[in-house]
């Protein structure tokens, strides 16, 4: 299990970093907003966690946020 942090971006998909990643401070200075933390073991869990409110409201897969995973999160790299 790893603790991750979600960052909402003013220009791109939300980002996923390790909760203790030094990029979080830099990103918040650039206008990103800290959107919470979660303990997950897979990328799918992170996607479900981030989008849980939208899923509960009946959003389709096309309406869910894509997430950009950074290597520090240790859940793989890239978007999903």
N, C-alpha and C. Protein backbone atom coordinates (compact mmCIF):
# COMPACT_ATOMS: atom_id res chain seq x y z
N UNK A 1 0.85 -1.17 0.00
CA UNK A 1 0.00 0.00 0.00
C UNK A 1 0.90 1.24 0.00
N UNK A 2 0.50 2.23 -0.75
CA UNK A 2 1.26 3.49 -0.82
C UNK A 2 0.33 4.67 -0.59
N UNK A 3 0.83 5.71 0.03
CA UNK A 3 0.04 6.91 0.26
C UNK A 3 0.33 7.88 -0.88
N UNK A 4 -0.71 8.28 -1.56
CA UNK A 4 -0.58 9.18 -2.70
C UNK A 4 -1.29 10.50 -2.42
N UNK A 5 -0.92 11.49 -3.20
CA UNK A 5 -1.58 12.80 -3.13
C UNK A 5 -2.10 13.14 -4.51
N UNK A 6 -3.30 13.70 -4.55
CA UNK A 6 -3.90 14.17 -5.79
C UNK A 6 -3.67 15.67 -5.91
N UNK A 7 -3.28 16.11 -7.09
CA UNK A 7 -3.12 17.53 -7.36
C UNK A 7 -3.99 17.90 -8.55
N UNK A 8 -4.89 18.84 -8.35
CA UNK A 8 -5.70 19.34 -9.46
C UNK A 8 -4.90 20.39 -10.21
N UNK A 9 -4.85 20.22 -11.51
CA UNK A 9 -4.07 21.11 -12.36
C UNK A 9 -4.95 22.17 -13.00
N UNK A 10 -4.41 23.38 -13.16
CA UNK A 10 -5.18 24.40 -13.86
C UNK A 10 -5.20 24.19 -15.38
N UNK A 11 -4.36 23.26 -15.91
CA UNK A 11 -4.25 23.11 -17.36
C UNK A 11 -4.29 21.68 -17.88
N UNK A 12 -4.09 20.68 -17.03
CA UNK A 12 -4.02 19.29 -17.49
C UNK A 12 -4.87 18.40 -16.60
N UNK A 13 -4.80 17.11 -16.86
CA UNK A 13 -5.50 16.15 -16.01
C UNK A 13 -4.90 16.20 -14.60
N UNK A 14 -5.68 15.79 -13.59
CA UNK A 14 -5.16 15.74 -12.23
C UNK A 14 -3.93 14.83 -12.16
N UNK A 15 -3.01 15.17 -11.28
CA UNK A 15 -1.78 14.42 -11.12
C UNK A 15 -1.80 13.60 -9.84
N UNK A 16 -1.09 12.47 -9.88
CA UNK A 16 -0.94 11.61 -8.71
C UNK A 16 0.54 11.53 -8.38
N UNK A 17 0.89 11.91 -7.15
CA UNK A 17 2.26 11.88 -6.65
C UNK A 17 2.29 11.11 -5.34
N UNK A 18 3.48 10.70 -4.92
CA UNK A 18 3.63 10.18 -3.56
C UNK A 18 3.30 11.31 -2.60
N UNK A 19 2.72 10.99 -1.47
CA UNK A 19 2.29 12.02 -0.52
C UNK A 19 3.45 12.86 -0.02
N UNK A 20 4.65 12.31 -0.01
CA UNK A 20 5.81 13.06 0.48
C UNK A 20 6.69 13.59 -0.66
N UNK A 21 6.18 13.64 -1.85
CA UNK A 21 6.95 14.09 -3.02
C UNK A 21 7.26 15.59 -2.94
N UNK A 22 8.50 15.93 -3.22
CA UNK A 22 8.89 17.34 -3.17
C UNK A 22 8.26 18.16 -4.30
N UNK A 23 7.79 17.51 -5.34
CA UNK A 23 7.12 18.23 -6.44
C UNK A 23 5.79 18.85 -6.01
N UNK A 24 5.20 18.36 -4.96
CA UNK A 24 3.91 18.89 -4.51
C UNK A 24 4.05 20.38 -4.16
N UNK A 25 5.09 20.72 -3.44
CA UNK A 25 5.30 22.13 -3.07
C UNK A 25 5.50 22.98 -4.31
N UNK A 26 6.33 22.50 -5.24
CA UNK A 26 6.57 23.25 -6.47
C UNK A 26 5.29 23.40 -7.29
N UNK A 27 4.54 22.34 -7.39
CA UNK A 27 3.31 22.37 -8.19
C UNK A 27 2.28 23.33 -7.59
N UNK A 28 2.15 23.34 -6.27
CA UNK A 28 1.17 24.26 -5.67
C UNK A 28 1.57 25.71 -5.92
N UNK A 29 2.87 25.98 -5.96
CA UNK A 29 3.32 27.34 -6.31
C UNK A 29 2.97 27.69 -7.76
N UNK A 30 2.80 26.67 -8.59
CA UNK A 30 2.48 26.88 -10.01
C UNK A 30 0.96 26.95 -10.24
N UNK A 31 0.17 26.87 -9.18
CA UNK A 31 -1.27 26.97 -9.33
C UNK A 31 -2.04 25.67 -9.19
N UNK A 32 -1.33 24.57 -8.95
CA UNK A 32 -2.01 23.30 -8.71
C UNK A 32 -2.63 23.34 -7.31
N UNK A 33 -3.73 22.64 -7.14
CA UNK A 33 -4.39 22.58 -5.83
C UNK A 33 -4.29 21.18 -5.27
N UNK A 34 -3.89 21.09 -4.01
CA UNK A 34 -3.84 19.79 -3.32
C UNK A 34 -5.29 19.33 -3.15
N UNK A 35 -5.60 18.14 -3.67
CA UNK A 35 -6.97 17.65 -3.65
C UNK A 35 -7.16 16.44 -2.75
N UNK A 36 -6.23 16.22 -1.83
CA UNK A 36 -6.39 15.13 -0.88
C UNK A 36 -5.38 14.02 -1.06
N UNK A 37 -5.44 13.08 -0.14
CA UNK A 37 -4.54 11.93 -0.14
C UNK A 37 -5.36 10.65 -0.02
N UNK A 38 -4.74 9.54 -0.39
CA UNK A 38 -5.39 8.24 -0.27
C UNK A 38 -4.33 7.17 -0.12
N UNK A 39 -4.71 6.05 0.48
CA UNK A 39 -3.84 4.89 0.55
C UNK A 39 -4.40 3.86 -0.43
N UNK A 40 -3.59 3.52 -1.42
CA UNK A 40 -4.02 2.61 -2.48
C UNK A 40 -2.90 1.62 -2.80
N UNK A 41 -3.26 0.55 -3.51
CA UNK A 41 -2.26 -0.41 -3.96
C UNK A 41 -2.20 -0.49 -5.48
N UNK A 42 -3.20 0.03 -6.18
CA UNK A 42 -3.22 -0.04 -7.64
C UNK A 42 -3.67 1.28 -8.24
N UNK A 43 -3.39 1.45 -9.52
CA UNK A 43 -3.85 2.63 -10.24
C UNK A 43 -5.38 2.65 -10.29
N UNK A 44 -5.99 1.49 -10.46
CA UNK A 44 -7.46 1.42 -10.51
C UNK A 44 -8.09 1.92 -9.22
N UNK A 45 -7.51 1.56 -8.09
CA UNK A 45 -8.02 2.06 -6.81
C UNK A 45 -7.92 3.57 -6.73
N UNK A 46 -6.82 4.13 -7.21
CA UNK A 46 -6.64 5.58 -7.19
C UNK A 46 -7.67 6.26 -8.08
N UNK A 47 -7.90 5.70 -9.24
CA UNK A 47 -8.89 6.28 -10.17
C UNK A 47 -10.28 6.23 -9.55
N UNK A 48 -10.64 5.09 -8.97
CA UNK A 48 -11.95 4.98 -8.33
C UNK A 48 -12.06 5.96 -7.16
N UNK A 49 -11.03 6.04 -6.34
CA UNK A 49 -11.05 6.93 -5.18
C UNK A 49 -11.25 8.38 -5.62
N UNK A 50 -10.47 8.83 -6.61
CA UNK A 50 -10.55 10.22 -7.06
C UNK A 50 -11.92 10.53 -7.66
N UNK A 51 -12.48 9.57 -8.38
CA UNK A 51 -13.74 9.78 -9.09
C UNK A 51 -14.98 9.27 -8.35
N UNK A 52 -14.83 8.84 -7.11
CA UNK A 52 -15.93 8.19 -6.38
C UNK A 52 -17.21 9.03 -6.35
N UNK A 53 -17.10 10.32 -6.10
CA UNK A 53 -18.30 11.15 -6.04
C UNK A 53 -19.00 11.21 -7.40
N UNK A 54 -18.22 11.28 -8.47
CA UNK A 54 -18.81 11.33 -9.81
C UNK A 54 -19.48 10.00 -10.15
N UNK A 55 -18.84 8.89 -9.76
CA UNK A 55 -19.41 7.57 -9.99
C UNK A 55 -20.71 7.43 -9.22
N UNK A 56 -20.72 7.86 -7.96
CA UNK A 56 -21.93 7.80 -7.14
C UNK A 56 -23.06 8.62 -7.74
N UNK A 57 -22.71 9.69 -8.47
CA UNK A 57 -23.73 10.53 -9.11
C UNK A 57 -24.14 10.01 -10.48
N UNK A 58 -23.61 8.84 -10.89
CA UNK A 58 -24.03 8.22 -12.13
C UNK A 58 -23.19 8.57 -13.35
N UNK A 59 -22.01 9.12 -13.16
CA UNK A 59 -21.15 9.47 -14.30
C UNK A 59 -20.75 8.21 -15.06
N UNK A 60 -20.64 8.35 -16.38
CA UNK A 60 -20.16 7.24 -17.21
C UNK A 60 -18.63 7.28 -17.23
N UNK A 61 -18.02 6.22 -17.75
CA UNK A 61 -16.56 6.17 -17.84
C UNK A 61 -16.01 7.35 -18.63
N UNK A 62 -16.72 7.80 -19.65
CA UNK A 62 -16.27 8.93 -20.45
C UNK A 62 -16.30 10.24 -19.68
N UNK A 63 -17.05 10.30 -18.60
CA UNK A 63 -17.18 11.53 -17.82
C UNK A 63 -16.23 11.58 -16.62
N UNK A 64 -15.46 10.52 -16.40
CA UNK A 64 -14.55 10.48 -15.26
C UNK A 64 -13.24 11.16 -15.61
N UNK A 65 -12.57 11.65 -14.59
CA UNK A 65 -11.27 12.29 -14.77
C UNK A 65 -10.21 11.25 -15.08
N UNK A 66 -9.37 11.52 -16.06
CA UNK A 66 -8.15 10.76 -16.27
C UNK A 66 -7.13 11.29 -15.28
N UNK A 67 -6.25 10.44 -14.83
CA UNK A 67 -5.22 10.85 -13.88
C UNK A 67 -3.85 10.64 -14.52
N UNK A 68 -2.93 11.55 -14.22
CA UNK A 68 -1.56 11.43 -14.69
C UNK A 68 -0.71 10.95 -13.51
N UNK A 69 -0.21 9.73 -13.60
CA UNK A 69 0.55 9.12 -12.52
C UNK A 69 2.04 9.42 -12.68
N UNK A 70 2.66 9.94 -11.64
CA UNK A 70 4.09 10.21 -11.64
C UNK A 70 4.83 9.04 -10.99
N UNK A 71 6.08 8.79 -11.40
CA UNK A 71 6.83 7.63 -10.89
C UNK A 71 6.93 7.57 -9.36
N UNK A 72 6.96 8.72 -8.70
CA UNK A 72 7.08 8.74 -7.24
C UNK A 72 5.92 8.01 -6.56
N UNK A 73 4.77 7.95 -7.22
CA UNK A 73 3.60 7.28 -6.64
C UNK A 73 3.76 5.76 -6.62
N UNK A 74 4.75 5.26 -7.38
CA UNK A 74 5.03 3.82 -7.45
C UNK A 74 3.83 3.01 -7.89
N UNK A 75 3.02 3.61 -8.79
CA UNK A 75 1.87 2.91 -9.36
C UNK A 75 1.98 2.88 -10.89
N UNK A 76 3.16 3.11 -11.39
CA UNK A 76 3.36 3.18 -12.83
C UNK A 76 3.39 4.63 -13.28
N UNK A 77 3.70 4.86 -14.53
CA UNK A 77 3.87 6.20 -15.08
C UNK A 77 2.88 6.41 -16.22
N UNK A 78 2.40 7.64 -16.36
CA UNK A 78 1.54 7.98 -17.48
C UNK A 78 0.09 8.15 -17.07
N UNK A 79 -0.73 8.34 -18.08
CA UNK A 79 -2.15 8.58 -17.80
C UNK A 79 -2.95 7.31 -17.98
N UNK A 80 -4.09 7.30 -17.33
CA UNK A 80 -5.01 6.17 -17.42
C UNK A 80 -6.41 6.71 -17.18
